[in-house]
C-alpha atoms as a PDB file:
ATOM      1  CA  MET A   1       9.154   4.914  14.579  1.00  0.00           C
ATOM      2  CA  THR A   2       7.347   5.112  11.291  1.00  0.00           C
ATOM      3  CA  ILE A   3       7.019   6.878   8.014  1.00  0.00           C
ATOM      4  CA  ALA A   4       3.465   7.150   6.681  1.00  0.00           C
ATOM      5  CA  ALA A   5       1.945   9.411   4.048  1.00  0.00           C
ATOM      6  CA  GLY A   6      -1.363  10.199   2.391  1.00  0.00           C
ATOM      7  CA  PHE A   7      -1.981  11.673  -1.073  1.00  0.00           C
ATOM      8  CA  ILE A   8      -5.125  12.956  -2.782  1.00  0.00           C
ATOM      9  CA  TYR A   9      -4.576  12.161  -6.453  1.00  0.00           C
ATOM     10  CA  GLN A  10      -6.711  12.531  -9.557  1.00  0.00           C
ATOM     11  CA  ASN A  11      -9.169   9.704  -8.905  1.00  0.00           C
ATOM     12  CA  GLY A  12      -8.594   8.616  -5.338  1.00  0.00           C
ATOM     13  CA  VAL A  13      -6.649   8.764  -2.091  1.00  0.00           C
ATOM     14  CA  LEU A  14      -3.434   6.823  -1.464  1.00  0.00           C
ATOM     15  CA  LEU A  15      -2.141   5.866   1.985  1.00  0.00           C
ATOM     16  CA  CYS A  16       1.273   4.274   2.438  1.00  0.00           C
ATOM     17  CA  ALA A  17       3.671   3.343   5.240  1.00  0.00           C
ATOM     18  CA  ASP A  18       6.671   1.203   6.114  1.00  0.00           C
ATOM     19  CA  THR A  19       6.122  -1.987   8.135  1.00  0.00           C
ATOM     20  CA  GLU A  20       8.889  -1.920  10.759  1.00  0.00           C
ATOM     21  CA  LEU A  21       7.704  -2.181  14.369  1.00  0.00           C
ATOM     22  CA  SER A  22      10.562  -1.241  16.709  1.00  0.00           C
ATOM     23  CA  GLY A  23      10.397  -2.553  20.286  1.00  0.00           C
ATOM     24  CA  TRP A  24      12.708  -2.505  23.265  1.00  0.00           C
ATOM     25  CA  ALA A  25      14.097  -5.996  22.688  1.00  0.00           C
ATOM     26  CA  MET A  26      13.307  -6.803  19.055  1.00  0.00           C
ATOM     27  CA  THR A  27      12.174  -5.489  15.701  1.00  0.00           C
ATOM     28  CA  LEU A  28       9.002  -6.917  14.157  1.00  0.00           C
ATOM     29  CA  HIS A  29       7.044  -6.141  10.999  1.00  0.00           C
ATOM     30  CA  GLY A  30       3.342  -5.523  10.554  1.00  0.00           C
ATOM     31  CA  ARG A  31       0.660  -3.551   8.760  1.00  0.00           C
ATOM     32  CA  LYS A  32       0.223   0.136   9.569  1.00  0.00           C
ATOM     33  CA  VAL A  33      -2.563   0.893   7.092  1.00  0.00           C
ATOM     34  CA  GLU A  34      -6.045  -0.597   6.929  1.00  0.00           C
ATOM     35  CA  HIS A  35      -9.304   0.159   5.136  1.00  0.00           C
ATOM     36  CA  PHE A  36     -12.939  -0.777   5.632  1.00  0.00           C
ATOM     37  CA  LYS A  37     -16.457  -0.109   4.366  1.00  0.00           C
ATOM     38  CA  CYS A  38     -19.029   1.806   6.400  1.00  0.00           C
ATOM     39  CA  PRO A  39     -22.205   3.838   5.725  1.00  0.00           C
ATOM     40  CA  VAL A  40     -20.211   6.963   4.814  1.00  0.00           C
ATOM     41  CA  GLY A  41     -18.248   5.024   2.148  1.00  0.00           C
ATOM     42  CA  THR A  42     -14.720   3.583   2.177  1.00  0.00           C
ATOM     43  CA  VAL A  43     -12.326   4.654   4.930  1.00  0.00           C
ATOM     44  CA  GLY A  44      -8.568   4.102   5.166  1.00  0.00           C
ATOM     45  CA  MET A  45      -6.464   4.760   8.273  1.00  0.00           C
ATOM     46  CA  ALA A  46      -2.687   4.813   8.789  1.00  0.00           C
ATOM     47  CA  TYR A  47      -0.709   5.532  11.938  1.00  0.00           C
ATOM     48  CA  ALA A  48       2.712   6.582  13.155  1.00  0.00           C
ATOM     49  CA  GLY A  49       3.983   6.352  16.710  1.00  0.00           C
ATOM     50  CA  ASN A  50       2.855   4.172  19.599  1.00  0.00           C
ATOM     51  CA  ARG A  51       1.392   1.060  18.006  1.00  0.00           C
ATOM     52  CA  ALA A  52      -0.792  -0.121  20.902  1.00  0.00           C
ATOM     53  CA  PHE A  53      -2.466   3.252  21.465  1.00  0.00           C
ATOM     54  CA  ALA A  54      -2.859   4.011  17.747  1.00  0.00           C
ATOM     55  CA  VAL A  55      -4.354   0.619  16.871  1.00  0.00           C
ATOM     56  CA  SER A  56      -6.746   0.904  19.816  1.00  0.00           C
ATOM     57  CA  ALA A  57      -7.940   4.286  18.544  1.00  0.00           C
ATOM     58  CA  ILE A  58      -8.325   2.972  14.972  1.00  0.00           C
ATOM     59  CA  GLN A  59     -10.359  -0.016  16.165  1.00  0.00           C
ATOM     60  CA  LYS A  60     -12.727   2.239  18.112  1.00  0.00           C
ATOM     61  CA  CYS A  61     -13.089   4.588  15.156  1.00  0.00           C
ATOM     62  CA  LYS A  62     -13.928   1.636  12.919  1.00  0.00           C
ATOM     63  CA  ARG A  63     -16.603   0.306  15.286  1.00  0.00           C
ATOM     64  CA  GLU A  64     -18.246   3.720  15.565  1.00  0.00           C
ATOM     65  CA  LEU A  65     -18.140   4.499  11.843  1.00  0.00           C
ATOM     66  CA  VAL A  66     -19.640   1.128  10.906  1.00  0.00           C
ATOM     67  CA  ALA A  67     -22.567   1.884  13.221  1.00  0.00           C
ATOM     68  CA  SER A  68     -22.953   5.574  12.251  1.00  0.00           C
ATOM     69  CA  SER A  69     -24.949   7.328   9.577  1.00  0.00           C
ATOM     70  CA  PRO A  70     -22.998   9.288   6.918  1.00  0.00           C
ATOM     71  CA  GLY A  71     -23.983  12.670   8.356  1.00  0.00           C
ATOM     72  CA  GLU A  72     -22.591  12.019  11.827  1.00  0.00           C
ATOM     73  CA  ALA A  73     -19.416  10.128  10.845  1.00  0.00           C
ATOM     74  CA  LEU A  74     -16.921  13.011  10.916  1.00  0.00           C
ATOM     75  CA  GLY A  75     -18.201  14.392  14.231  1.00  0.00           C
ATOM     76  CA  LYS A  76     -17.936  10.980  15.873  1.00  0.00           C
ATOM     77  CA  LEU A  77     -14.462  10.508  14.409  1.00  0.00           C
ATOM     78  CA  GLU A  78     -13.221  13.771  15.936  1.00  0.00           C
ATOM     79  CA  ARG A  79     -14.737  12.966  19.347  1.00  0.00           C
ATOM     80  CA  ILE A  80     -13.192   9.491  19.453  1.00  0.00           C
ATOM     81  CA  ILE A  81      -9.744  10.774  18.447  1.00  0.00           C
ATOM     82  CA  ASP A  82      -9.879  13.494  21.116  1.00  0.00           C
ATOM     83  CA  LYS A  83     -11.120  11.133  23.849  1.00  0.00           C
ATOM     84  CA  GLU A  84      -8.717   8.293  23.083  1.00  0.00           C
ATOM     85  CA  TYR A  85      -5.637  10.504  22.932  1.00  0.00           C
ATOM     86  CA  ARG A  86      -6.519  12.093  26.272  1.00  0.00           C
ATOM     87  CA  ARG A  87      -7.222   8.664  27.816  1.00  0.00           C
ATOM     88  CA  THR A  88      -4.106   6.817  26.629  1.00  0.00           C
ATOM     89  CA  VAL A  89      -1.428   9.494  26.190  1.00  0.00           C
ATOM     90  CA  LEU A  90      -2.204  12.752  28.004  1.00  0.00           C
ATOM     91  CA  SER A  91      -3.360  10.960  31.162  1.00  0.00           C
ATOM     92  CA  HIS A  92      -0.189   8.847  31.266  1.00  0.00           C
ATOM     93  CA  PRO A  93       2.120   9.974  34.126  1.00  0.00           C
ATOM     94  CA  SER A  94       5.157   9.973  31.808  1.00  0.00           C
ATOM     95  CA  HIS A  95       3.642  11.638  28.758  1.00  0.00           C
ATOM     96  CA  ALA A  96       5.698  14.832  29.193  1.00  0.00           C
ATOM     97  CA  ILE A  97       9.039  12.996  29.166  1.00  0.00           C
ATOM     98  CA  ASP A  98       8.354   9.828  27.140  1.00  0.00           C
ATOM     99  CA  PRO A  99       8.113  10.491  23.368  1.00  0.00           C
ATOM    100  CA  THR A 100       7.249   6.853  22.644  1.00  0.00           C
ATOM    101  CA  LEU A 101       3.712   7.341  23.998  1.00  0.00           C
ATOM    102  CA  SER A 102       2.475   9.717  21.303  1.00  0.00           C
ATOM    103  CA  TYR A 103       0.927   8.783  17.954  1.00  0.00           C
ATOM    104  CA  SER A 104      -0.715  10.431  14.961  1.00  0.00           C
ATOM    105  CA  LEU A 105      -3.164   9.228  12.308  1.00  0.00           C
ATOM    106  CA  LEU A 106      -3.927   9.736   8.647  1.00  0.00           C
ATOM    107  CA  ILE A 107      -7.569   9.207   7.643  1.00  0.00           C
ATOM    108  CA  ALA A 108      -8.713   8.893   4.025  1.00  0.00           C
ATOM    109  CA  ILE A 109     -12.430   8.956   3.203  1.00  0.00           C
ATOM    110  CA  CYS A 110     -14.173   8.277  -0.093  1.00  0.00           C
ATOM    111  CA  THR A 111     -17.911   8.829   0.279  1.00  0.00           C
ATOM    112  CA  GLN A 112     -20.633   6.857  -1.475  1.00  0.00           C
ATOM    113  CA  SER A 113     -20.932   9.743  -3.959  1.00  0.00           C
ATOM    114  CA  GLY A 114     -17.195   9.704  -4.745  1.00  0.00           C
ATOM    115  CA  ASP A 115     -16.094  12.748  -2.706  1.00  0.00           C
ATOM    116  CA  LEU A 116     -12.487  12.427  -1.487  1.00  0.00           C
ATOM    117  CA  SER A 117     -10.982  13.832   1.707  1.00  0.00           C
ATOM    118  CA  LEU A 118      -7.826  13.353   3.760  1.00  0.00           C
ATOM    119  CA  TYR A 119      -7.370  14.186   7.457  1.00  0.00           C
ATOM    120  CA  ALA A 120      -4.349  14.215   9.780  1.00  0.00           C
ATOM    121  CA  THR A 121      -4.295  14.202  13.576  1.00  0.00           C
ATOM    122  CA  GLU A 122      -1.878  15.843  15.972  1.00  0.00           C
ATOM    123  CA  GLN A 123      -2.548  14.982  19.591  1.00  0.00           C
ATOM    124  CA  THR A 124      -6.267  15.749  20.076  1.00  0.00           C
ATOM    125  CA  ALA A 125      -6.665  17.893  16.943  1.00  0.00           C
ATOM    126  CA  THR A 126      -7.988  16.673  13.586  1.00  0.00           C
ATOM    127  CA  ARG A 127      -7.412  18.818  10.500  1.00  0.00           C
ATOM    128  CA  GLN A 128      -8.308  18.394   6.846  1.00  0.00           C
ATOM    129  CA  VAL A 129      -5.387  18.065   4.421  1.00  0.00           C
ATOM    130  CA  PRO A 130      -5.818  19.770   1.028  1.00  0.00           C
ATOM    131  CA  ASP A 131      -3.277  17.703  -0.932  1.00  0.00           C
ATOM    132  CA  TYR A 132      -0.820  15.414   0.888  1.00  0.00           C
ATOM    133  CA  GLU A 133       0.650  14.819   4.334  1.00  0.00           C
ATOM    134  CA  CYS A 134       3.552  12.875   5.855  1.00  0.00           C
ATOM    135  CA  ILE A 135       3.794  11.740   9.490  1.00  0.00           C
ATOM    136  CA  GLY A 136       6.297   9.856  11.626  1.00  0.00           C
ATOM    137  CA  ILE A 137       9.994  10.046  12.374  1.00  0.00           C
ATOM    138  CA  GLY A 138      10.811  10.257   8.646  1.00  0.00           C
ATOM    139  CA  GLU A 139       8.419  13.157   8.063  1.00  0.00           C
ATOM    140  CA  ALA A 140      11.045  15.840   7.306  1.00  0.00           C
ATOM    141  CA  LEU A 141      12.881  13.784   4.670  1.00  0.00           C
ATOM    142  CA  ALA A 142       9.556  12.642   3.181  1.00  0.00           C
ATOM    143  CA  HIS A 143       8.389  16.234   2.697  1.00  0.00           C
ATOM    144  CA  TYR A 144      11.726  17.124   1.107  1.00  0.00           C
ATOM    145  CA  LEU A 145      11.301  14.321  -1.433  1.00  0.00           C
ATOM    146  CA  VAL A 146       7.572  14.721  -2.137  1.00  0.00           C
ATOM    147  CA  ARG A 147       6.953  18.472  -2.125  1.00  0.00           C
ATOM    148  CA  PRO A 148       8.697  19.369  -5.445  1.00  0.00           C
ATOM    149  CA  GLU A 149       7.014  16.551  -7.385  1.00  0.00           C
ATOM    150  CA  PHE A 150       3.479  16.084  -6.107  1.00  0.00           C
ATOM    151  CA  SER A 151       0.311  17.620  -7.499  1.00  0.00           C
ATOM    152  CA  MET A 152      -3.319  16.607  -7.036  1.00  0.00           C
ATOM    153  CA  GLY A 153      -3.708  16.159 -10.793  1.00  0.00           C
ATOM    154  CA  MET A 154      -1.358  13.170 -10.796  1.00  0.00           C
ATOM    155  CA  GLY A 155      -2.738   9.756 -11.716  1.00  0.00           C
ATOM    156  CA  GLU A 156      -2.653   6.664  -9.545  1.00  0.00           C
ATOM    157  CA  ARG A 157       0.492   5.136 -11.092  1.00  0.00           C
ATOM    158  CA  ALA A 158       2.460   8.390 -10.891  1.00  0.00           C
ATOM    159  CA  THR A 159       1.420   8.847  -7.253  1.00  0.00           C
ATOM    160  CA  LEU A 160       2.387   5.238  -6.485  1.00  0.00           C
ATOM    161  CA  SER A 161       5.808   5.805  -8.052  1.00  0.00           C
ATOM    162  CA  LEU A 162       6.416   8.962  -6.011  1.00  0.00           C
ATOM    163  CA  ALA A 163       5.266   7.281  -2.801  1.00  0.00           C
ATOM    164  CA  THR A 164       7.464   4.249  -3.518  1.00  0.00           C
ATOM    165  CA  PHE A 165      10.525   6.413  -4.145  1.00  0.00           C
ATOM    166  CA  MET A 166       9.892   8.430  -0.983  1.00  0.00           C
ATOM    167  CA  LEU A 167       9.448   5.338   1.204  1.00  0.00           C
ATOM    168  CA  ALA A 168      12.566   3.691  -0.235  1.00  0.00           C
ATOM    169  CA  CYS A 169      14.703   6.758   0.529  1.00  0.00           C
ATOM    170  CA  VAL A 170      13.317   7.198   4.047  1.00  0.00           C
ATOM    171  CA  LYS A 171      13.696   3.503   4.887  1.00  0.00           C
ATOM    172  CA  GLY A 172      17.287   3.620   3.661  1.00  0.00           C
ATOM    173  CA  ASN A 173      18.260   6.681   5.709  1.00  0.00           C
ATOM    174  CA  VAL A 174      16.073   7.048   8.815  1.00  0.00           C
ATOM    175  CA  PRO A 175      16.538   4.627  11.748  1.00  0.00           C
ATOM    176  CA  GLY A 176      13.319   2.957  12.807  1.00  0.00           C
ATOM    177  CA  CYS A 177      11.836   2.918   9.298  1.00  0.00           C
ATOM    178  CA  GLY A 178      12.145  -0.278   7.269  1.00  0.00           C
ATOM    179  CA  GLY A 179      10.587  -3.499   6.027  1.00  0.00           C
ATOM    180  CA  PHE A 180       8.156  -3.699   3.140  1.00  0.00           C
ATOM    181  CA  SER A 181       6.233  -0.683   1.873  1.00  0.00           C
ATOM    182  CA  GLN A 182       2.464  -0.970   2.323  1.00  0.00           C
ATOM    183  CA  PHE A 183      -0.005   0.823   0.040  1.00  0.00           C
ATOM    184  CA  VAL A 184      -3.778   1.277   0.183  1.00  0.00           C
ATOM    185  CA  SER A 185      -5.349   3.137  -2.737  1.00  0.00           C
ATOM    186  CA  ILE A 186      -9.030   4.070  -2.329  1.00  0.00           C
ATOM    187  CA  ARG A 187     -10.632   5.113  -5.613  1.00  0.00           C
ATOM    188  CA  LYS A 188     -13.630   7.298  -6.391  1.00  0.00           C
ATOM    189  CA  ASP A 189     -15.602   4.288  -7.626  1.00  0.00           C
ATOM    190  CA  GLY A 190     -15.360   2.717  -4.152  1.00  0.00           C
ATOM    191  CA  THR A 191     -12.805   0.035  -5.023  1.00  0.00           C
ATOM    192  CA  ALA A 192      -9.571  -0.295  -3.047  1.00  0.00           C
ATOM    193  CA  MET A 193      -6.168  -1.770  -3.844  1.00  0.00           C
ATOM    194  CA  ASP A 194      -4.145  -3.063  -0.877  1.00  0.00           C
ATOM    195  CA  PHE A 195      -0.660  -4.524  -1.257  1.00  0.00           C
ATOM    196  CA  MET A 196       2.942  -4.412  -0.094  1.00  0.00           C
ATOM    197  CA  SER A 197       6.130  -4.106  -2.087  1.00  0.00           C
ATOM    198  CA  GLY A 198       7.637  -7.547  -1.840  1.00  0.00           C
ATOM    199  CA  GLY A 199       4.629  -9.303  -3.349  1.00  0.00           C
ATOM    200  CA  SER A 200       2.503 -10.048  -0.289  1.00  0.00           C
ATOM    201  CA  LEU A 201      -0.539  -9.868  -2.578  1.00  0.00           C
ATOM    202  CA  LEU A 202       0.488 -11.839  -5.645  1.00  0.00           C
ATOM    203  CA  GLY A 203       0.860  -9.786  -8.763  1.00  0.00           C
ATOM    204  CA  SER A 204      -0.217  -6.360  -7.449  1.00  0.00           C
ATOM    205  CA  SER A 205       3.132  -4.889  -6.441  1.00  0.00           C
ATOM    206  CA  LEU A 206       4.812  -6.638  -9.350  1.00  0.00           C
ATOM    207  CA  LEU A 207       2.504  -5.220 -11.994  1.00  0.00           C
ATOM    208  CA  THR A 208       2.639  -1.698 -10.558  1.00  0.00           C
ATOM    209  CA  ASN A 209       6.476  -1.875 -10.639  1.00  0.00           C
ATOM    210  CA  THR A 210       6.837  -0.647  -7.068  1.00  0.00           C
ATOM    211  CA  ASP A 211       9.288  -3.486  -6.330  1.00  0.00           C
ATOM    212  CA  TRP A 212      11.453  -2.558  -9.302  1.00  0.00           C
ATOM    213  CA  LEU A 213      11.398   1.147  -8.472  1.00  0.00           C
ATOM    214  CA  GLU A 214      12.349   0.545  -4.849  1.00  0.00           C
ATOM    215  CA  ARG A 215      15.301  -1.635  -5.838  1.00  0.00           C
ATOM    216  CA  HIS A 216      16.706   0.842  -8.369  1.00  0.00           C
ATOM    217  CA  SER A 217      16.009   4.207  -6.716  1.00  0.00           C
ATOM    218  CA  LYS A 218      19.447   4.334  -5.053  1.00  0.00           C
ATOM    219  CA  GLY A 219      21.212   3.559  -8.324  1.00  0.00           C
ATOM    220  CA  TYR A 220      19.409   6.329 -10.142  1.00  0.00           C
ATOM    221  CA  ASP A 221      20.209   8.826  -7.416  1.00  0.00           C
ATOM    222  CA  ALA A 222      23.908   7.972  -7.607  1.00  0.00           C
ATOM    223  CA  PHE A 223      24.038   8.377 -11.422  1.00  0.00           C
ATOM    224  CA  ALA A 224      22.045  11.630 -11.429  1.00  0.00           C
ATOM    225  CA  ARG A 225      24.027  13.118  -8.540  1.00  0.00           C
ATOM    226  CA  LYS A 226      27.349  12.481 -10.256  1.00  0.00           C
ATOM    227  CA  LEU A 227      26.084  14.190 -13.394  1.00  0.00           C
ATOM    228  CA  LEU A 228      24.865  17.185 -11.362  1.00  0.00           C
ATOM    229  CA  PHE A 229      28.231  17.539  -9.601  1.00  0.00           C
ATOM    230  CA  ASP A 230      30.049  17.456 -12.951  1.00  0.00           C
ATOM    231  CA  ILE A 231      28.186  20.541 -14.223  1.00  0.00           C
ATOM    232  CA  PRO A 232      29.981  23.183 -12.081  1.00  0.00           C
ATOM    233  CA  ASN A 233      33.272  21.278 -11.846  1.00  0.00           C
ATOM    234  CA  PRO A 234      35.937  23.183 -13.876  1.00  0.00           C
ATOM    235  CA  GLU A 235      38.112  20.070 -13.992  1.00  0.00           C
ATOM    236  CA  VAL A 236      35.467  18.264 -16.081  1.00  0.00           C
ATOM    237  CA  THR A 237      35.846  19.170 -19.743  1.00  0.00           C
ATOM    238  CA  ASP A 238      32.900  19.587 -22.091  1.00  0.00           C
ATOM    239  CA  ALA A 239      33.874  16.353 -23.806  1.00  0.00           C
ATOM    240  CA  ASP A 240      33.973  14.503 -20.477  1.00  0.00           C
ATOM    241  CA  PHE A 241      30.601  15.942 -19.485  1.00  0.00           C
ATOM    242  CA  ILE A 242      29.009  14.936 -22.802  1.00  0.00           C
ATOM    243  CA  ALA A 243      30.474  11.451 -22.351  1.00  0.00           C
ATOM    244  CA  SER A 244      28.994  11.248 -18.834  1.00  0.00           C
ATOM    245  CA  LEU A 245      25.657  12.526 -20.139  1.00  0.00           C
ATOM    246  CA  ASN A 246      25.608   9.873 -22.873  1.00  0.00           C
ATOM    247  CA  GLU A 247      26.499   7.214 -20.326  1.00  0.00           C
ATOM    248  CA  PHE A 248      23.659   8.394 -18.098  1.00  0.00           C
ATOM    249  CA  LYS A 249      21.281   8.205 -21.069  1.00  0.00           C
ATOM    250  CA  LYS A 250      22.418   4.651 -21.889  1.00  0.00           C
ATOM    251  CA  ARG A 251      21.907   3.577 -18.283  1.00  0.00           C
ATOM    252  CA  MET A 252      18.421   5.090 -18.179  1.00  0.00           C
ATOM    253  CA  VAL A 253      17.437   3.354 -21.434  1.00  0.00           C
ATOM    254  CA  LYS A 254      18.744   0.096 -19.988  1.00  0.00           C
ATOM    255  CA  PHE A 255      16.745   0.707 -16.793  1.00  0.00           C
ATOM    256  CA  ARG A 256      13.570   1.218 -18.833  1.00  0.00           C
ATOM    257  CA  LYS A 257      14.125  -1.966 -20.854  1.00  0.00           C
ATOM    258  CA  ASP A 258      14.840  -3.898 -17.671  1.00  0.00           C
ATOM    259  CA  CYS A 259      11.661  -2.548 -16.061  1.00  0.00           C
ATOM    260  CA  ARG A 260       9.516  -3.493 -19.064  1.00  0.00           C
ATOM    261  CA  GLN A 261      11.078  -6.939 -19.263  1.00  0.00           C
ATOM    262  CA  SER A 262      10.511  -7.398 -15.549  1.00  0.00           C
ATOM    263  CA  SER A 263       6.846  -6.475 -15.978  1.00  0.00           C
ATOM    264  CA  ARG A 264       6.416  -8.942 -18.853  1.00  0.00           C
ATOM    265  CA  VAL A 265       8.011 -11.732 -16.807  1.00  0.00           C
ATOM    266  CA  HIS A 266       5.783 -10.974 -13.837  1.00  0.00           C
ATOM    267  CA  GLU A 267       2.665 -10.878 -16.002  1.00  0.00           C
ATOM    268  CA  SER A 268       3.615 -14.219 -17.555  1.00  0.00           C
ATOM    269  CA  PHE A 269       4.228 -15.653 -14.093  1.00  0.00           C
ATOM    270  CA  VAL A 270       0.798 -14.539 -12.892  1.00  0.00           C
ATOM    271  CA  ASP A 271      -0.802 -15.970 -16.055  1.00  0.00           C
ATOM    272  CA  ILE A 272       0.935 -19.305 -15.446  1.00  0.00           C
ATOM    273  CA  LEU A 273      -0.332 -19.429 -11.858  1.00  0.00           C
ATOM    274  CA  ASN A 274      -3.836 -18.532 -12.998  1.00  0.00           C
ATOM    275  CA  ARG A 275      -3.743 -21.314 -15.578  1.00  0.00           C
ATOM    276  CA  GLN A 276      -2.479 -23.735 -12.950  1.00  0.00           C
ATOM    277  CA  ALA A 277      -5.347 -22.746 -10.672  1.00  0.00           C
ATOM    278  CA  LYS A 278      -7.861 -23.352 -13.473  1.00  0.00           C
ATOM    279  CA  THR A 279      -6.233 -26.703 -14.244  1.00  0.00           C
ATOM    280  CA  ARG A 280      -6.461 -27.727 -10.616  1.00  0.00           C
ATOM    281  CA  ASP A 281     -10.123 -26.759 -10.562  1.00  0.00           C
ATOM    282  CA  LEU A 282     -10.732 -28.904 -13.663  1.00  0.00           C
ATOM    283  CA  GLU A 283      -8.810 -31.830 -12.168  1.00  0.00           C
ATOM    284  CA  ASP A 284     -10.865 -31.556  -8.994  1.00  0.00           C
ATOM    285  CA  GLN A 285     -14.069 -31.641 -11.028  1.00  0.00           C
ATOM    286  CA  LEU A 286     -12.925 -34.695 -12.997  1.00  0.00           C
ATOM    287  CA  SER A 287     -11.880 -36.512  -9.847  1.00  0.00           C
ATOM    288  CA  GLN A 288     -15.329 -36.126  -8.277  1.00  0.00           C
ATOM    289  CA  PRO A 289     -17.465 -39.320  -8.375  1.00  0.00           C
ATOM    290  CA  GLN A 290     -20.255 -39.329 -10.949  1.00  0.00           C
ATOM    291  CA  THR A 291     -23.635 -38.870  -9.315  1.00  0.00           C
ATOM    292  CA  THR A 292     -25.840 -39.306 -12.409  1.00  0.00           C
ATOM    293  CA  ALA A 293     -26.253 -42.306 -14.643  1.00  0.00           C
ATOM    294  CA  ASP A 294     -24.685 -42.419 -18.076  1.00  0.00           C
ATOM    295  CA  PRO A 295     -27.559 -41.596 -20.478  1.00  0.00           C
ATOM    296  CA  SER A 296     -25.924 -43.553 -23.285  1.00  0.00           C
ATOM    297  CA  ARG A 297     -26.223 -46.813 -21.370  1.00  0.00           C
ATOM    298  CA  GLN A 298     -29.636 -48.526 -21.682  1.00  0.00           C
ATOM    299  CA  GLN A 299     -31.082 -49.597 -18.343  1.00  0.00           C
ATOM    300  CA  PRO A 300     -31.993 -53.350 -18.129  1.00  0.00           C
ATOM    301  CA  SER A 301     -35.656 -54.306 -17.921  1.00  0.00           C
ATOM    302  CA  PRO A 302     -36.936 -56.104 -14.831  1.00  0.00           C
ATOM    303  CA  GLU A 303     -37.611 -59.236 -16.889  1.00  0.00           C
ATOM    304  CA  SER A 304     -34.055 -59.662 -18.150  1.00  0.00           C
ATOM    305  CA  PRO A 305     -31.579 -61.922 -16.323  1.00  0.00           C
ATOM    306  CA  GLU A 306     -29.414 -58.896 -15.580  1.00  0.00           C
ATOM    307  CA  GLY A 307     -32.297 -57.216 -13.822  1.00  0.00           C
ATOM    308  CA  SER A 308     -33.713 -60.305 -12.019  1.00  0.00           C
ATOM    309  CA  GLY A 309     -30.455 -61.814 -10.862  1.00  0.00           C
ATOM    310  CA  GLU A 310     -31.521 -65.233 -12.194  1.00  0.00           C
ATOM    311  CA  SER A 311     -29.265 -67.327 -14.436  1.00  0.00           C
END
């Protein structure tokens, strides 16, 4: 029960997923995307489906890639994925009737030279993805939301916004998808950004406005849908439609002001915390005992009473 997606954008690869972990007796939350460094470069992996089997496969892939040379990384990856799926799922006596046993993976790779690639698995097969891919129980709705908007020429912020909107809609409409939204963006320069909407990494999700966008996506949809339905409605006069259009414009302008104000508040909040951290560091330094003598104080000579202890 998951929605996960991967996007190749202008200067990197973005992986994202929800965090809901549905069990027989309870619902938990946890990470479904991770990234690590290895000889080939930076690798990110996301999963959908059976958590135990998928995480086991990801851990084995990580161990092998860390110990592999760049030229043999992809071949080893394909062999591990094939072997692990056969071992854990296809060999299970109930695999033909139990859909909870299966899983799929998304694999993002940025090489040391900055080459980007995205792969998706289906059972034992691994295929390269030319642009984007969605996996999990929310896959159909995710494709419906992403396909009209996405292009590989998009920047990181635009891709983050699209991914945030998609995850918010899927989490709000597909059972088994929920919790925070997790993002891992692996850039051509080898750096990676890893955070969740909800502020698990202070400042990151706030400054990218993913929290704001997730909160307001439903409101925008409701306003835009009403306007769309008014267009063919013969009972809505031109004057009424223009009034609705102006109201929509006012709401959108208000949304933009609110978003910018929210960003400024968050930036100020992060600045305050940074200043507090620096102040604490300074206070810690001042509270440390002095280990060197004060050079302004003249040391007594051995002959003086102070130095000899005699009165």
